[in-house]
Amino acid sequence: MKSMTISLEMAQRVKDFVAVTQNCDCEILLKSGKYVVDAKSILGIFSLDLSKPLTVEIYDDNCEDVIAKLSKFAK
């Protein structure tokens, strides 16, 4: 598992983030405090407090390409 901190403060960034995660075969979770949602679910992401940094957890051993794509959302 790999994790990184990101920021999704605007709706367009959420849309772009989901577009990246939906193309990945691995499981990706998004955490905000005690809440955890599927990072491929736009409705799940909008249920989180987007004004605070979020933690992305990627469950795949070969996820360097996913991390590279998500780096533009890094906080």
Protein backbone atom coordinates (compact mmCIF):
# COMPACT_ATOMS: atom_id res chain seq x y z
CA MET A 1 0.00 0.00 0.00
CA LYS A 2 1.18 3.51 -0.86
CA SER A 3 -0.35 6.72 0.41
CA MET A 4 -0.13 10.41 -0.37
CA THR A 5 -1.82 13.63 0.72
CA ILE A 6 -3.84 15.57 -1.83
CA SER A 7 -6.12 18.59 -2.07
CA LEU A 8 -9.42 18.60 -3.98
CA GLU A 9 -10.87 22.00 -3.08
CA MET A 10 -12.65 22.66 -6.39
CA ALA A 11 -15.27 20.61 -8.21
CA GLN A 12 -13.19 20.47 -11.40
CA ARG A 13 -10.27 18.94 -9.48
CA VAL A 14 -12.62 16.26 -8.09
CA LYS A 15 -13.82 15.50 -11.63
CA ASP A 16 -10.22 15.26 -12.91
CA PHE A 17 -9.21 13.08 -9.94
CA VAL A 18 -12.06 10.61 -10.53
CA ALA A 19 -11.18 10.46 -14.24
CA VAL A 20 -7.67 9.29 -13.28
CA THR A 21 -8.74 6.81 -10.60
CA GLN A 22 -11.49 5.18 -12.68
CA ASN A 23 -8.89 4.01 -15.20
CA CYS A 24 -6.92 2.11 -12.52
CA ASP A 25 -7.47 -1.58 -11.84
CA CYS A 26 -6.28 -1.39 -8.23
CA GLU A 27 -8.28 -0.44 -5.15
CA ILE A 28 -7.92 3.23 -4.23
CA LEU A 29 -9.42 4.73 -1.07
CA LEU A 30 -9.74 8.35 -0.01
CA LYS A 31 -9.67 9.26 3.69
CA SER A 32 -10.72 12.39 5.52
CA GLY A 33 -10.52 12.04 9.28
CA LYS A 34 -12.54 8.95 10.24
CA TYR A 35 -14.35 8.78 6.89
CA VAL A 36 -13.21 6.49 4.07
CA VAL A 37 -14.69 6.42 0.55
CA ASP A 38 -13.91 4.73 -2.74
CA ALA A 39 -11.70 7.15 -4.71
CA LYS A 40 -13.51 6.14 -7.90
CA SER A 41 -16.85 7.45 -6.58
CA ILE A 42 -17.52 11.11 -7.31
CA LEU A 43 -20.52 11.12 -4.95
CA GLY A 44 -18.44 9.56 -2.19
CA ILE A 45 -15.75 12.20 -2.62
CA PHE A 46 -18.28 15.04 -2.47
CA SER A 47 -19.50 13.65 0.87
CA LEU A 48 -16.08 14.47 2.39
CA ASP A 49 -14.86 17.80 3.78
CA LEU A 50 -12.90 18.98 0.74
CA SER A 51 -11.56 22.07 2.50
CA LYS A 52 -9.05 19.87 4.34
CA PRO A 53 -6.21 17.71 2.97
CA LEU A 54 -7.21 14.15 2.01
CA THR A 55 -5.18 10.95 2.14
CA VAL A 56 -5.15 8.65 -0.88
CA GLU A 57 -4.34 4.98 -0.24
CA ILE A 58 -3.43 2.86 -3.26
CA TYR A 59 -3.53 -0.92 -2.76
CA ASP A 60 -1.20 -2.22 -5.46
CA ASP A 61 2.48 -3.15 -5.45
CA ASN A 62 3.11 -1.63 -8.89
CA CYS A 63 1.40 1.73 -8.50
CA GLU A 64 4.17 4.16 -9.49
CA ASP A 65 2.27 5.15 -12.64
CA VAL A 66 -0.87 5.89 -10.60
CA ILE A 67 1.14 7.97 -8.12
CA ALA A 68 2.68 9.90 -11.01
CA LYS A 69 -0.78 10.68 -12.43
CA LEU A 70 -2.09 11.73 -9.01
CA SER A 71 0.93 13.90 -8.18
CA LYS A 72 -0.75 16.95 -9.74
CA PHE A 73 -3.27 16.82 -6.87
CA ALA A 74 -0.56 16.63 -4.17
CA LYS A 75 -0.85 19.08 -1.32
